[in-house]
């Protein structure tokens, strides 16, 4: 294990790397880079609270690296679902030897490469695809990788248990997998806010606004499911279609097809949503900030062959005096209350390690 002194050095190095990256990003003219409308819009959102954004990436990297007693230049990591690529860039700024970027959305891969180049922090490779493509890529490397990290990805993964099982197929397992997520089910303030977002995408048709991601649906998820069930051509009444569309919340189209086929054969449906508001895009399976039960997360990780623990993130102390004061108080409550402190945590971090044989 890395010593306490080594951990303090790592933390300080990460803080300094964050400051340098923050300075580079603030000096960029984002509109001049030729990014897609979606990435340009999202970058502007992240830059509006850049210290907090990078602080979260820094904390994820710190957890990933603190148990690895080696020089960062000797390490390799992969940023899974990297979005605009800020976590990869922070890892490069820190001096990590090999940094690989991945995202399921090809447009993000292209834009992340442009943004990283503008700060002279390119990743060593950019992998387009999901967990299977990541595993295929890593299995082709001569040496294994030390860590797979992500932020705000796991709450969008359609089948979390399948995701864990796919990563368990790596020929050489990383020392850890670190999933950071702002979708903290233990934080009642966040849950109240995000439940409204769930209900909006579930029930309301939306217009295509500036910064819309091409792969995301604009029709209400309920309406998409209803139209799909009708398109299956089964002998269903209107009342049945309405009820089945509601009951299949949280399923992708192929799984809705399976459920409806079962219903038409047996008159019964065994699936039901496990959460009162969680919902996903039926076309892609992309969850809208899915609130995941911590105990369930840990149990499915164990079934996939991992040891699991969940840690608390803390707020950065930045902004106005009133904001700083509020965040100091929340961080104090977070740290003082043990497991109950998740109530005041801005995000959680799921850490997986291959189970000891």
Protein backbone atom coordinates (compact mmCIF):
# COMPACT_ATOMS: atom_id res chain seq x y z
CA UNK A 1 0.00 0.00 0.00
CA UNK A 2 1.10 3.58 -0.62
CA UNK A 3 2.27 5.33 2.55
CA UNK A 4 0.40 8.18 4.26
CA UNK A 5 3.17 10.50 3.09
CA UNK A 6 2.78 9.20 -0.46
CA UNK A 7 -0.99 9.79 -0.33
CA UNK A 8 -0.43 13.39 0.77
CA UNK A 9 1.98 13.92 -2.12
CA UNK A 10 -0.49 12.37 -4.57
CA UNK A 11 -3.30 14.60 -3.30
CA UNK A 12 -1.13 17.70 -3.65
CA UNK A 13 0.03 16.71 -7.13
CA UNK A 14 -3.59 16.19 -8.17
CA UNK A 15 -4.61 19.58 -6.76
CA UNK A 16 -1.81 21.27 -8.70
CA UNK A 17 -2.73 19.36 -11.88
CA UNK A 18 -6.35 20.46 -11.44
CA UNK A 19 -5.28 24.10 -11.13
CA UNK A 20 -3.15 23.90 -14.28
CA UNK A 21 -5.92 22.26 -16.30
CA UNK A 22 -8.45 24.76 -15.01
CA UNK A 23 -6.23 27.61 -16.20
CA UNK A 24 -5.80 26.03 -19.64
CA UNK A 25 -9.54 25.49 -20.08
CA UNK A 26 -10.46 29.00 -18.94
CA UNK A 27 -8.10 30.45 -21.55
CA UNK A 28 -9.71 28.52 -24.39
CA UNK A 29 -12.10 30.04 -26.91
CA UNK A 30 -14.46 27.06 -26.98
CA UNK A 31 -16.46 28.42 -29.91
CA UNK A 32 -13.37 28.52 -32.14
CA UNK A 33 -12.45 24.83 -31.78
CA UNK A 34 -14.95 23.40 -34.27
CA UNK A 35 -16.70 21.21 -31.73
CA UNK A 36 -20.17 19.80 -32.33
CA UNK A 37 -23.10 21.87 -31.08
CA UNK A 38 -23.76 19.31 -28.33
CA UNK A 39 -20.18 19.30 -26.99
CA UNK A 40 -19.81 23.06 -27.27
CA UNK A 41 -23.01 23.53 -25.28
CA UNK A 42 -22.01 20.92 -22.69
CA UNK A 43 -18.51 22.38 -22.32
CA UNK A 44 -20.04 25.78 -21.63
CA UNK A 45 -22.15 24.18 -18.90
CA UNK A 46 -19.10 22.49 -17.32
CA UNK A 47 -17.00 25.65 -17.56
CA UNK A 48 -19.67 27.58 -15.66
CA UNK A 49 -18.64 25.66 -12.51
CA UNK A 50 -15.25 24.35 -13.59
CA UNK A 51 -13.66 24.10 -10.15
CA UNK A 52 -16.45 21.83 -8.92
CA UNK A 53 -16.39 19.78 -12.14
CA UNK A 54 -12.65 19.13 -12.01
CA UNK A 55 -12.78 18.55 -8.26
CA UNK A 56 -15.07 15.57 -8.82
CA UNK A 57 -12.80 14.12 -11.49
CA UNK A 58 -9.81 14.70 -9.20
CA UNK A 59 -11.44 12.83 -6.32
CA UNK A 60 -12.24 9.85 -8.58
CA UNK A 61 -8.63 9.73 -9.79
CA UNK A 62 -7.34 10.05 -6.24
CA UNK A 63 -9.35 7.03 -5.10
CA UNK A 64 -8.19 5.06 -8.14
CA UNK A 65 -4.52 5.86 -7.65
CA UNK A 66 -4.02 6.00 -3.90
CA UNK A 67 -3.68 2.22 -3.52
CA UNK A 68 -1.13 1.92 -6.34
CA UNK A 69 2.36 2.40 -4.91
CA UNK A 70 4.02 3.47 -8.15
CA UNK A 71 5.09 6.60 -9.96
CA UNK A 72 2.17 8.01 -12.02
CA UNK A 73 4.44 7.93 -15.10
CA UNK A 74 4.47 4.12 -14.82
CA UNK A 75 0.68 3.80 -14.59
CA UNK A 76 -2.06 3.31 -17.17
CA UNK A 77 -5.76 4.15 -16.87
CA UNK A 78 -8.84 4.13 -19.08
CA UNK A 79 -11.54 6.80 -18.86
CA UNK A 80 -14.77 4.87 -19.50
CA UNK A 81 -17.64 6.93 -20.95
CA UNK A 82 -15.37 9.96 -20.95
CA UNK A 83 -17.74 12.49 -22.55
CA UNK A 84 -15.86 15.68 -23.37
CA UNK A 85 -12.67 14.11 -21.99
CA UNK A 86 -11.87 16.26 -18.96
CA UNK A 87 -11.00 13.29 -16.75
CA UNK A 88 -8.57 11.96 -19.37
CA UNK A 89 -7.03 15.41 -19.67
CA UNK A 90 -6.62 15.71 -15.90
CA UNK A 91 -4.89 12.31 -15.83
CA UNK A 92 -2.53 13.47 -18.57
CA UNK A 93 -1.89 16.74 -16.75
CA UNK A 94 -0.95 14.72 -13.67
CA UNK A 95 1.59 12.83 -15.75
CA UNK A 96 0.02 9.35 -15.86
CA UNK A 97 2.02 7.31 -18.36
CA UNK A 98 -0.76 5.84 -20.50
CA UNK A 99 -4.25 7.32 -20.66
CA UNK A 100 -6.99 5.82 -22.83
CA UNK A 101 -10.32 7.50 -23.54
CA UNK A 102 -13.60 5.77 -24.37
CA UNK A 103 -17.19 6.75 -25.13
CA UNK A 104 -20.20 5.01 -26.67
CA UNK A 105 -21.05 8.16 -28.66
CA UNK A 106 -18.74 8.60 -31.64
CA UNK A 107 -19.28 12.35 -31.73
CA UNK A 108 -17.93 12.63 -28.18
CA UNK A 109 -14.82 10.66 -29.16
CA UNK A 110 -14.12 13.07 -32.01
CA UNK A 111 -14.77 16.18 -29.91
CA UNK A 112 -12.77 14.92 -26.93
CA UNK A 113 -9.77 14.50 -29.23
CA UNK A 114 -10.12 18.10 -30.46
CA UNK A 115 -10.51 19.53 -26.96
CA UNK A 116 -7.54 17.56 -25.58
CA UNK A 117 -5.34 18.64 -28.50
CA UNK A 118 -6.21 22.29 -27.83
CA UNK A 119 -4.70 21.89 -24.33
CA UNK A 120 -1.81 19.70 -25.54
CA UNK A 121 -3.16 16.80 -23.45
CA UNK A 122 -4.16 14.10 -25.96
CA UNK A 123 -5.01 10.63 -24.72
CA UNK A 124 -2.90 7.75 -26.00
CA UNK A 125 -5.88 6.26 -27.81
CA UNK A 126 -9.60 6.95 -28.31
CA UNK A 127 -11.91 3.92 -28.24
CA UNK A 128 -15.43 4.22 -29.60
CA UNK A 129 -17.88 1.72 -28.13
CA UNK A 130 -19.27 0.28 -24.92
CA UNK A 131 -17.82 -2.12 -22.34
CA UNK A 132 -17.37 -4.96 -24.86
CA UNK A 133 -15.31 -2.76 -27.18
CA UNK A 134 -13.26 -1.57 -24.21
CA UNK A 135 -12.56 -5.16 -23.13
CA UNK A 136 -11.61 -6.14 -26.69
CA UNK A 137 -9.20 -3.17 -26.88
CA UNK A 138 -7.59 -3.80 -23.49
CA UNK A 139 -7.20 -7.52 -24.16
CA UNK A 140 -5.09 -6.62 -27.21
CA UNK A 141 -2.63 -4.58 -25.14
CA UNK A 142 0.67 -6.22 -24.24
CA UNK A 143 0.37 -5.15 -20.60
CA UNK A 144 -2.69 -4.87 -18.41
CA UNK A 145 -4.14 -1.59 -17.26
CA UNK A 146 -3.98 -0.30 -13.69
CA UNK A 147 -7.43 1.29 -13.38
CA UNK A 148 -10.68 2.00 -15.21
CA UNK A 149 -12.31 5.23 -14.07
CA UNK A 150 -15.53 7.01 -14.94
CA UNK A 151 -17.74 9.84 -13.77
CA UNK A 152 -21.48 10.19 -14.36
CA UNK A 153 -21.62 7.03 -16.45
CA UNK A 154 -22.96 4.20 -14.30
CA UNK A 155 -26.32 5.93 -13.82
CA UNK A 156 -26.82 5.80 -17.61
CA UNK A 157 -25.77 2.16 -18.16
CA UNK A 158 -28.79 0.10 -19.23
CA UNK A 159 -27.76 -3.18 -17.57
CA UNK A 160 -25.30 -2.52 -14.74
CA UNK A 161 -24.84 -6.18 -13.81
CA UNK A 162 -24.08 -7.11 -17.43
CA UNK A 163 -21.60 -4.21 -17.51
CA UNK A 164 -19.74 -5.60 -14.49
CA UNK A 165 -19.73 -9.12 -15.97
CA UNK A 166 -18.31 -7.81 -19.25
CA UNK A 167 -15.43 -6.12 -17.45
CA UNK A 168 -14.85 -9.35 -15.52
CA UNK A 169 -13.87 -10.89 -18.88
CA UNK A 170 -10.64 -8.87 -19.07
CA UNK A 171 -7.63 -11.17 -19.50
CA UNK A 172 -5.66 -9.08 -17.01
CA UNK A 173 -7.89 -7.41 -14.43
CA UNK A 174 -7.11 -3.80 -13.45
CA UNK A 175 -6.31 -3.13 -9.82
CA UNK A 176 -9.65 -1.32 -9.55
CA UNK A 177 -12.70 0.05 -11.33
CA UNK A 178 -13.84 3.41 -9.99
CA UNK A 179 -17.32 4.66 -10.92
CA UNK A 180 -18.13 8.17 -9.66
CA UNK A 181 -21.74 9.35 -9.94
CA UNK A 182 -23.68 12.45 -9.01
CA UNK A 183 -26.92 10.40 -8.99
CA UNK A 184 -26.78 9.93 -5.23
CA UNK A 185 -29.92 8.13 -4.07
CA UNK A 186 -29.06 8.92 -0.43
CA UNK A 187 -29.14 12.70 -0.97
CA UNK A 188 -32.79 13.80 -0.59
CA UNK A 189 -32.14 17.23 -2.12
CA UNK A 190 -30.80 15.67 -5.31
CA UNK A 191 -33.48 12.96 -5.41
CA UNK A 192 -36.25 15.55 -5.23
CA UNK A 193 -34.70 17.49 -8.10
CA UNK A 194 -33.88 14.57 -10.38
CA UNK A 195 -37.28 12.89 -9.88
CA UNK A 196 -38.81 15.89 -11.65
CA UNK A 197 -36.41 15.30 -14.58
CA UNK A 198 -37.48 11.64 -14.67
CA UNK A 199 -41.13 12.64 -14.89
CA UNK A 200 -40.47 15.21 -17.59
CA UNK A 201 -38.66 12.86 -20.01
CA UNK A 202 -41.16 10.11 -19.22
CA UNK A 203 -44.30 12.15 -19.88
CA UNK A 204 -43.47 15.27 -21.93
CA UNK A 205 -42.55 15.59 -25.61
CA UNK A 206 -39.59 17.94 -25.99
CA UNK A 207 -38.47 20.16 -28.84
CA UNK A 208 -34.95 19.86 -30.19
CA UNK A 209 -33.05 22.64 -28.42
CA UNK A 210 -29.54 23.95 -28.88
CA UNK A 211 -27.01 21.41 -27.66
CA UNK A 212 -29.28 18.40 -28.17
CA UNK A 213 -27.43 15.08 -28.40
CA UNK A 214 -28.37 13.35 -31.65
CA UNK A 215 -28.84 9.89 -30.13
CA UNK A 216 -31.30 11.12 -27.46
CA UNK A 217 -35.05 10.90 -28.09
CA UNK A 218 -37.24 14.01 -27.94
CA UNK A 219 -40.56 12.17 -27.69
CA UNK A 220 -41.74 11.21 -24.23
CA UNK A 221 -40.48 7.78 -23.22
CA UNK A 222 -44.02 6.68 -22.40
CA UNK A 223 -45.20 7.66 -25.89
CA UNK A 224 -42.30 5.80 -27.52
CA UNK A 225 -43.18 2.63 -25.61
CA UNK A 226 -46.86 2.99 -26.44
CA UNK A 227 -46.19 3.40 -30.17
CA UNK A 228 -43.79 0.47 -30.16
CA UNK A 229 -46.29 -1.84 -28.44
CA UNK A 230 -48.91 -0.86 -31.02
CA UNK A 231 -46.43 -1.57 -33.84
CA UNK A 232 -46.00 -5.17 -32.65
CA UNK A 233 -49.43 -5.94 -34.13
CA UNK A 234 -50.68 -7.92 -31.15
CA UNK A 235 -54.41 -8.17 -30.42
CA UNK A 236 -54.39 -5.74 -27.51
CA UNK A 237 -57.09 -3.37 -26.37
CA UNK A 238 -56.32 0.33 -25.97
CA UNK A 239 -56.53 -0.10 -22.20
CA UNK A 240 -53.99 -2.94 -22.34
CA UNK A 241 -51.62 -0.87 -24.48
CA UNK A 242 -51.80 2.02 -22.03
CA UNK A 243 -51.23 -0.25 -19.04
CA UNK A 244 -48.37 -2.19 -20.64
CA UNK A 245 -46.67 1.03 -21.74
CA UNK A 246 -46.69 2.20 -18.12
CA UNK A 247 -45.56 -1.17 -16.75
CA UNK A 248 -42.58 -1.44 -19.14
CA UNK A 249 -40.98 1.80 -17.92
CA UNK A 250 -37.22 1.22 -17.74
CA UNK A 251 -36.97 -1.24 -20.64
CA UNK A 252 -35.29 -0.97 -24.03
CA UNK A 253 -37.37 -1.90 -27.11
CA UNK A 254 -36.05 -5.46 -27.49
CA UNK A 255 -36.93 -6.21 -23.87
CA UNK A 256 -40.35 -4.62 -24.25
CA UNK A 257 -40.93 -6.97 -27.21
CA UNK A 258 -40.02 -9.93 -25.00
CA UNK A 259 -42.35 -8.79 -22.20
CA UNK A 260 -45.28 -8.20 -24.56
CA UNK A 261 -44.76 -11.60 -26.20
CA UNK A 262 -44.87 -13.21 -22.76
CA UNK A 263 -48.02 -11.25 -21.87
CA UNK A 264 -49.82 -12.29 -25.05
CA UNK A 265 -48.99 -15.95 -24.37
CA UNK A 266 -49.73 -16.08 -20.65
CA UNK A 267 -51.82 -13.01 -19.85
CA UNK A 268 -49.24 -12.13 -17.22
CA UNK A 269 -46.28 -9.74 -16.97
CA UNK A 270 -43.50 -10.55 -14.51
CA UNK A 271 -41.54 -7.33 -15.00
CA UNK A 272 -42.31 -4.17 -13.06
CA UNK A 273 -40.26 -0.98 -12.51
CA UNK A 274 -38.19 -1.21 -9.33
CA UNK A 275 -38.17 2.53 -8.61
CA UNK A 276 -41.09 5.00 -8.65
CA UNK A 277 -39.54 7.42 -11.18
CA UNK A 278 -36.40 5.92 -12.81
CA UNK A 279 -36.84 5.73 -16.58
CA UNK A 280 -34.71 5.12 -19.66
CA UNK A 281 -34.85 6.01 -23.34
CA UNK A 282 -36.52 2.94 -24.92
CA UNK A 283 -34.55 3.43 -28.14
CA UNK A 284 -31.07 3.37 -26.60
CA UNK A 285 -31.48 2.09 -23.05
CA UNK A 286 -29.83 5.26 -21.77
CA UNK A 287 -31.18 5.89 -18.25
CA UNK A 288 -32.09 9.41 -17.18
CA UNK A 289 -29.84 9.81 -14.09
CA UNK A 290 -30.83 6.43 -12.67
CA UNK A 291 -31.00 6.34 -8.87
CA UNK A 292 -29.29 3.08 -7.92
CA UNK A 293 -29.67 1.41 -4.55
CA UNK A 294 -26.24 1.11 -2.91
CA UNK A 295 -26.84 -2.33 -1.41
CA UNK A 296 -28.04 -3.61 -4.78
CA UNK A 297 -24.95 -2.18 -6.52
CA UNK A 298 -22.65 -3.91 -4.07
CA UNK A 299 -24.50 -7.23 -4.39
CA UNK A 300 -24.42 -7.34 -8.21
CA UNK A 301 -20.73 -6.43 -8.15
CA UNK A 302 -20.06 -9.37 -5.84
CA UNK A 303 -22.04 -11.68 -8.16
CA UNK A 304 -19.82 -10.51 -11.04
CA UNK A 305 -16.68 -11.45 -9.10
CA UNK A 306 -15.64 -8.19 -7.45
CA UNK A 307 -15.13 -6.81 -4.00
CA UNK A 308 -17.10 -3.57 -3.69
CA UNK A 309 -17.23 -0.51 -1.49
CA UNK A 310 -18.94 2.86 -1.85
CA UNK A 311 -17.27 6.10 -0.78
CA UNK A 312 -18.53 9.67 -0.41
CA UNK A 313 -17.41 12.61 -2.51
CA UNK A 314 -17.18 16.14 -1.11
CA UNK A 315 -17.93 19.59 -2.51
CA UNK A 316 -15.19 21.94 -3.67
CA UNK A 317 -15.05 25.13 -1.60
CA UNK A 318 -15.41 27.75 -4.28
CA UNK A 319 -17.69 30.58 -5.32
CA UNK A 320 -19.39 33.22 -3.21
CA UNK A 321 -19.02 33.46 0.57
CA UNK A 322 -22.54 32.10 1.15
CA UNK A 323 -21.90 29.16 -1.18
CA UNK A 324 -18.55 28.41 0.49
CA UNK A 325 -20.15 28.52 3.93
CA UNK A 326 -22.97 26.20 2.89
CA UNK A 327 -20.53 23.74 1.34
CA UNK A 328 -18.21 23.74 4.33
CA UNK A 329 -21.18 22.87 6.56
CA UNK A 330 -22.34 20.08 4.22
CA UNK A 331 -18.83 18.64 3.94
CA UNK A 332 -18.49 18.67 7.75
CA UNK A 333 -21.80 16.84 8.15
CA UNK A 334 -20.84 14.45 5.35
CA UNK A 335 -17.53 13.51 6.98
CA UNK A 336 -18.80 13.46 10.58
CA UNK A 337 -21.83 11.22 10.09
CA UNK A 338 -20.21 8.11 8.65
CA UNK A 339 -22.57 6.15 6.38
CA UNK A 340 -25.36 8.62 7.14
CA UNK A 341 -23.17 11.37 5.66
CA UNK A 342 -24.21 10.32 2.14
CA UNK A 343 -27.22 12.55 2.77
CA UNK A 344 -24.91 15.54 2.30
CA UNK A 345 -22.58 14.09 -0.34
CA UNK A 346 -22.64 15.66 -3.83
CA UNK A 347 -21.70 12.32 -5.37
CA UNK A 348 -20.75 8.75 -4.51
CA UNK A 349 -17.91 6.57 -5.74
CA UNK A 350 -18.29 2.84 -6.32
CA UNK A 351 -14.92 1.08 -6.10
CA UNK A 352 -14.59 -2.44 -7.45
CA UNK A 353 -11.59 -4.73 -7.05
CA UNK A 354 -11.22 -8.26 -8.40
CA UNK A 355 -12.19 -10.64 -5.60
CA UNK A 356 -9.34 -12.48 -3.92
CA UNK A 357 -9.24 -16.17 -4.77
